[in-house]
Amino acid sequence: MSKEGRELPKTNAQKRHNPGNIKFSANNQWIGQLPSQLSEFAEFVSDWAGYRAIFIILKRYHDYDHCLVVKDFISRWAPPETNNVPHYLQFLDDNYALAEWIEIQAPADYLLLGIAIMDYESRWFANKKSGLVNAWADVFGME
């Protein structure tokens, strides 16, 4: 909502249910990913499916790419060849107290990192969106 109480128009990320701006790849068979793509970014059937894809990617970065600290994850998520990684890291530190050297280990760490990524990528205030915690719990086996 705007200050005047009007509904703000949805961003492209909101319309695509893709708060992390995940790029489309036919190789990714995400639950809820729509097959027909009109842009370079994936489109999902629901917010939950978009959230879940983010958490799966972050978990894979740890399990397969050996990302350990915030800087590792962000450098993988937003490669320096096409992104301003120092600015990204500063945003996460300033707004979420996620300094680049902080280790991401516990499931709750992934939740905070995912929220921070969504905020940076699309100004998606994920902590206000329903389904976020359910998607995180699905990926990390939390009840």
C-alpha atoms as a PDB file:
ATOM      1  CA  MET A   1       0.000   0.000   0.000  1.00  0.00           C
ATOM      2  CA  SER A   2       1.129   3.503  -0.706  1.00  0.00           C
ATOM      3  CA  LYS A   3       1.135   6.261   1.905  1.00  0.00           C
ATOM      4  CA  GLU A   4      -2.183   7.378   0.442  1.00  0.00           C
ATOM      5  CA  GLY A   5      -3.692   3.934   1.068  1.00  0.00           C
ATOM      6  CA  ARG A   6      -3.804   2.934  -2.609  1.00  0.00           C
ATOM      7  CA  GLU A   7      -2.772  -0.515  -3.767  1.00  0.00           C
ATOM      8  CA  LEU A   8       0.637  -0.321  -5.458  1.00  0.00           C
ATOM      9  CA  PRO A   9       1.040  -2.015  -8.851  1.00  0.00           C
ATOM     10  CA  LYS A  10       2.681  -5.420  -8.741  1.00  0.00           C
ATOM     11  CA  THR A  11       6.307  -5.695  -9.783  1.00  0.00           C
ATOM     12  CA  ASN A  12       7.354  -8.172 -12.478  1.00  0.00           C
ATOM     13  CA  ALA A  13       8.799 -10.393  -9.740  1.00  0.00           C
ATOM     14  CA  GLN A  14       5.444 -10.382  -7.935  1.00  0.00           C
ATOM     15  CA  LYS A  15       3.533 -11.123 -11.136  1.00  0.00           C
ATOM     16  CA  ARG A  16       5.868 -14.074 -11.821  1.00  0.00           C
ATOM     17  CA  HIS A  17       5.807 -15.248  -8.153  1.00  0.00           C
ATOM     18  CA  ASN A  18       9.608 -15.104  -8.387  1.00  0.00           C
ATOM     19  CA  PRO A  19      10.910 -12.887  -5.563  1.00  0.00           C
ATOM     20  CA  GLY A  20      14.505 -14.062  -6.034  1.00  0.00           C
ATOM     21  CA  ASN A  21      14.599 -13.229  -9.745  1.00  0.00           C
ATOM     22  CA  ILE A  22      15.608 -16.807 -10.540  1.00  0.00           C
ATOM     23  CA  LYS A  23      16.549 -17.133 -14.190  1.00  0.00           C
ATOM     24  CA  PHE A  24      14.569 -19.594 -16.272  1.00  0.00           C
ATOM     25  CA  SER A  25      16.225 -22.822 -17.322  1.00  0.00           C
ATOM     26  CA  ALA A  26      14.416 -25.744 -18.911  1.00  0.00           C
ATOM     27  CA  ASN A  27      16.815 -27.970 -16.916  1.00  0.00           C
ATOM     28  CA  ASN A  28      15.196 -26.868 -13.655  1.00  0.00           C
ATOM     29  CA  GLN A  29      12.055 -28.833 -12.966  1.00  0.00           C
ATOM     30  CA  TRP A  30      10.852 -26.713 -10.055  1.00  0.00           C
ATOM     31  CA  ILE A  31       7.563 -27.641  -8.454  1.00  0.00           C
ATOM     32  CA  GLY A  32       5.105 -25.063  -9.739  1.00  0.00           C
ATOM     33  CA  GLN A  33       7.310 -23.617 -12.484  1.00  0.00           C
ATOM     34  CA  LEU A  34       5.359 -22.652 -15.585  1.00  0.00           C
ATOM     35  CA  PRO A  35       6.813 -24.105 -18.800  1.00  0.00           C
ATOM     36  CA  SER A  36       6.141 -21.162 -21.084  1.00  0.00           C
ATOM     37  CA  GLN A  37       8.469 -18.262 -20.388  1.00  0.00           C
ATOM     38  CA  LEU A  38       7.989 -14.717 -21.657  1.00  0.00           C
ATOM     39  CA  SER A  39      11.176 -13.408 -20.064  1.00  0.00           C
ATOM     40  CA  GLU A  40      14.585 -14.628 -18.953  1.00  0.00           C
ATOM     41  CA  PHE A  41      13.174 -15.181 -15.465  1.00  0.00           C
ATOM     42  CA  ALA A  42      11.286 -18.214 -14.215  1.00  0.00           C
ATOM     43  CA  GLU A  43       7.582 -17.934 -13.557  1.00  0.00           C
ATOM     44  CA  PHE A  44       5.828 -19.892 -10.826  1.00  0.00           C
ATOM     45  CA  VAL A  45       2.182 -20.696 -10.153  1.00  0.00           C
ATOM     46  CA  SER A  46       2.355 -19.386  -6.577  1.00  0.00           C
ATOM     47  CA  ASP A  47       4.487 -17.441  -4.146  1.00  0.00           C
ATOM     48  CA  TRP A  48       5.122 -20.691  -2.253  1.00  0.00           C
ATOM     49  CA  ALA A  49       6.691 -22.310  -5.321  1.00  0.00           C
ATOM     50  CA  GLY A  50       8.970 -19.294  -5.846  1.00  0.00           C
ATOM     51  CA  TYR A  51      10.033 -19.276  -2.194  1.00  0.00           C
ATOM     52  CA  ARG A  52      10.707 -23.005  -2.275  1.00  0.00           C
ATOM     53  CA  ALA A  53      12.944 -22.688  -5.344  1.00  0.00           C
ATOM     54  CA  ILE A  54      15.036 -20.039  -3.550  1.00  0.00           C
ATOM     55  CA  PHE A  55      15.593 -22.260  -0.522  1.00  0.00           C
ATOM     56  CA  ILE A  56      16.442 -25.284  -2.671  1.00  0.00           C
ATOM     57  CA  ILE A  57      19.019 -23.246  -4.604  1.00  0.00           C
ATOM     58  CA  LEU A  58      20.611 -21.967  -1.386  1.00  0.00           C
ATOM     59  CA  LYS A  59      20.739 -25.482   0.055  1.00  0.00           C
ATOM     60  CA  ARG A  60      22.347 -26.767  -3.159  1.00  0.00           C
ATOM     61  CA  TYR A  61      24.918 -23.969  -3.037  1.00  0.00           C
ATOM     62  CA  HIS A  62      25.944 -25.285   0.364  1.00  0.00           C
ATOM     63  CA  ASP A  63      25.727 -29.008  -0.388  1.00  0.00           C
ATOM     64  CA  TYR A  64      27.270 -29.040  -3.882  1.00  0.00           C
ATOM     65  CA  ASP A  65      29.183 -25.774  -4.303  1.00  0.00           C
ATOM     66  CA  HIS A  66      30.486 -25.704  -0.727  1.00  0.00           C
ATOM     67  CA  CYS A  67      29.249 -22.188   0.019  1.00  0.00           C
ATOM     68  CA  LEU A  68      29.778 -21.487   3.720  1.00  0.00           C
ATOM     69  CA  VAL A  69      29.567 -17.759   4.402  1.00  0.00           C
ATOM     70  CA  VAL A  70      27.240 -15.020   3.156  1.00  0.00           C
ATOM     71  CA  LYS A  71      29.790 -13.799   0.605  1.00  0.00           C
ATOM     72  CA  ASP A  72      30.060 -17.293  -0.922  1.00  0.00           C
ATOM     73  CA  PHE A  73      26.285 -17.551  -1.342  1.00  0.00           C
ATOM     74  CA  ILE A  74      25.842 -14.051  -2.784  1.00  0.00           C
ATOM     75  CA  SER A  75      28.796 -14.386  -5.157  1.00  0.00           C
ATOM     76  CA  ARG A  76      27.148 -17.565  -6.474  1.00  0.00           C
ATOM     77  CA  TRP A  77      23.587 -16.142  -6.504  1.00  0.00           C
ATOM     78  CA  ALA A  78      24.574 -12.862  -8.164  1.00  0.00           C
ATOM     79  CA  PRO A  79      27.862 -13.488 -10.022  1.00  0.00           C
ATOM     80  CA  PRO A  80      30.250 -10.513 -10.004  1.00  0.00           C
ATOM     81  CA  GLU A  81      30.444 -10.547 -13.818  1.00  0.00           C
ATOM     82  CA  THR A  82      26.901  -9.144 -13.972  1.00  0.00           C
ATOM     83  CA  ASN A  83      26.225  -7.826 -10.455  1.00  0.00           C
ATOM     84  CA  ASN A  84      27.594  -5.322  -7.962  1.00  0.00           C
ATOM     85  CA  VAL A  85      28.432  -7.868  -5.257  1.00  0.00           C
ATOM     86  CA  PRO A  86      29.956  -5.330  -2.800  1.00  0.00           C
ATOM     87  CA  HIS A  87      26.724  -3.288  -2.958  1.00  0.00           C
ATOM     88  CA  TYR A  88      24.638  -6.456  -2.503  1.00  0.00           C
ATOM     89  CA  LEU A  89      26.707  -7.500   0.516  1.00  0.00           C
ATOM     90  CA  GLN A  90      26.482  -4.021   2.033  1.00  0.00           C
ATOM     91  CA  PHE A  91      22.683  -4.089   1.669  1.00  0.00           C
ATOM     92  CA  LEU A  92      22.483  -7.442   3.476  1.00  0.00           C
ATOM     93  CA  ASP A  93      24.762  -6.214   6.256  1.00  0.00           C
ATOM     94  CA  ASP A  94      22.957  -2.862   6.668  1.00  0.00           C
ATOM     95  CA  ASN A  95      19.423  -4.253   6.557  1.00  0.00           C
ATOM     96  CA  TYR A  96      19.729  -7.787   7.944  1.00  0.00           C
ATOM     97  CA  ALA A  97      22.992  -7.824   9.955  1.00  0.00           C
ATOM     98  CA  LEU A  98      24.296 -10.449   7.518  1.00  0.00           C
ATOM     99  CA  ALA A  99      27.972  -9.533   7.300  1.00  0.00           C
ATOM    100  CA  GLU A 100      29.833 -11.216   4.450  1.00  0.00           C
ATOM    101  CA  TRP A 101      31.822 -13.454   6.829  1.00  0.00           C
ATOM    102  CA  ILE A 102      28.801 -14.875   8.718  1.00  0.00           C
ATOM    103  CA  GLU A 103      28.430 -18.634   8.303  1.00  0.00           C
ATOM    104  CA  ILE A 104      25.131 -19.988   7.008  1.00  0.00           C
ATOM    105  CA  GLN A 105      24.585 -23.282   8.834  1.00  0.00           C
ATOM    106  CA  ALA A 106      21.266 -23.669  10.607  1.00  0.00           C
ATOM    107  CA  PRO A 107      17.947 -23.783   8.772  1.00  0.00           C
ATOM    108  CA  ALA A 108      17.023 -20.436  10.361  1.00  0.00           C
ATOM    109  CA  ASP A 109      20.134 -18.906   8.737  1.00  0.00           C
ATOM    110  CA  TYR A 110      18.784 -19.928   5.325  1.00  0.00           C
ATOM    111  CA  LEU A 111      15.432 -18.351   6.150  1.00  0.00           C
ATOM    112  CA  LEU A 112      17.048 -15.005   6.948  1.00  0.00           C
ATOM    113  CA  LEU A 113      19.348 -15.166   3.915  1.00  0.00           C
ATOM    114  CA  GLY A 114      16.387 -16.031   1.670  1.00  0.00           C
ATOM    115  CA  ILE A 115      14.354 -13.099   2.995  1.00  0.00           C
ATOM    116  CA  ALA A 116      17.321 -10.753   2.509  1.00  0.00           C
ATOM    117  CA  ILE A 117      17.837 -11.960  -1.068  1.00  0.00           C
ATOM    118  CA  MET A 118      14.149 -11.458  -1.858  1.00  0.00           C
ATOM    119  CA  ASP A 119      14.277  -7.952  -0.449  1.00  0.00           C
ATOM    120  CA  TYR A 120      17.386  -7.017  -2.433  1.00  0.00           C
ATOM    121  CA  GLU A 121      16.309  -8.668  -5.679  1.00  0.00           C
ATOM    122  CA  SER A 122      12.745  -7.423  -5.809  1.00  0.00           C
ATOM    123  CA  ARG A 123      12.040  -5.378  -2.686  1.00  0.00           C
ATOM    124  CA  TRP A 124       9.713  -8.222  -1.789  1.00  0.00           C
ATOM    125  CA  PHE A 125       8.953  -7.930   1.888  1.00  0.00           C
ATOM    126  CA  ALA A 126       8.873 -11.656   2.309  1.00  0.00           C
ATOM    127  CA  ASN A 127       8.274 -11.624   6.039  1.00  0.00           C
ATOM    128  CA  LYS A 128       4.769 -10.319   5.243  1.00  0.00           C
ATOM    129  CA  LYS A 129       3.946 -12.983   2.645  1.00  0.00           C
ATOM    130  CA  SER A 130       2.012 -16.098   3.525  1.00  0.00           C
ATOM    131  CA  GLY A 131       3.602 -19.397   2.637  1.00  0.00           C
ATOM    132  CA  LEU A 132       7.219 -18.319   3.154  1.00  0.00           C
ATOM    133  CA  VAL A 133       7.808 -20.288   6.322  1.00  0.00           C
ATOM    134  CA  ASN A 134       5.911 -23.295   4.934  1.00  0.00           C
ATOM    135  CA  ALA A 135       8.159 -23.371   1.852  1.00  0.00           C
ATOM    136  CA  TRP A 136      11.276 -23.077   4.038  1.00  0.00           C
ATOM    137  CA  ALA A 137      10.001 -25.848   6.322  1.00  0.00           C
ATOM    138  CA  ASP A 138       9.353 -28.096   3.325  1.00  0.00           C
ATOM    139  CA  VAL A 139      12.939 -27.812   2.098  1.00  0.00           C
ATOM    140  CA  PHE A 140      14.566 -28.164   5.529  1.00  0.00           C
ATOM    141  CA  GLY A 141      12.230 -30.833   6.909  1.00  0.00           C
ATOM    142  CA  MET A 142      10.896 -28.620   9.685  1.00  0.00           C
ATOM    143  CA  GLU A 143       7.467 -29.253  11.142  1.00  0.00           C
END
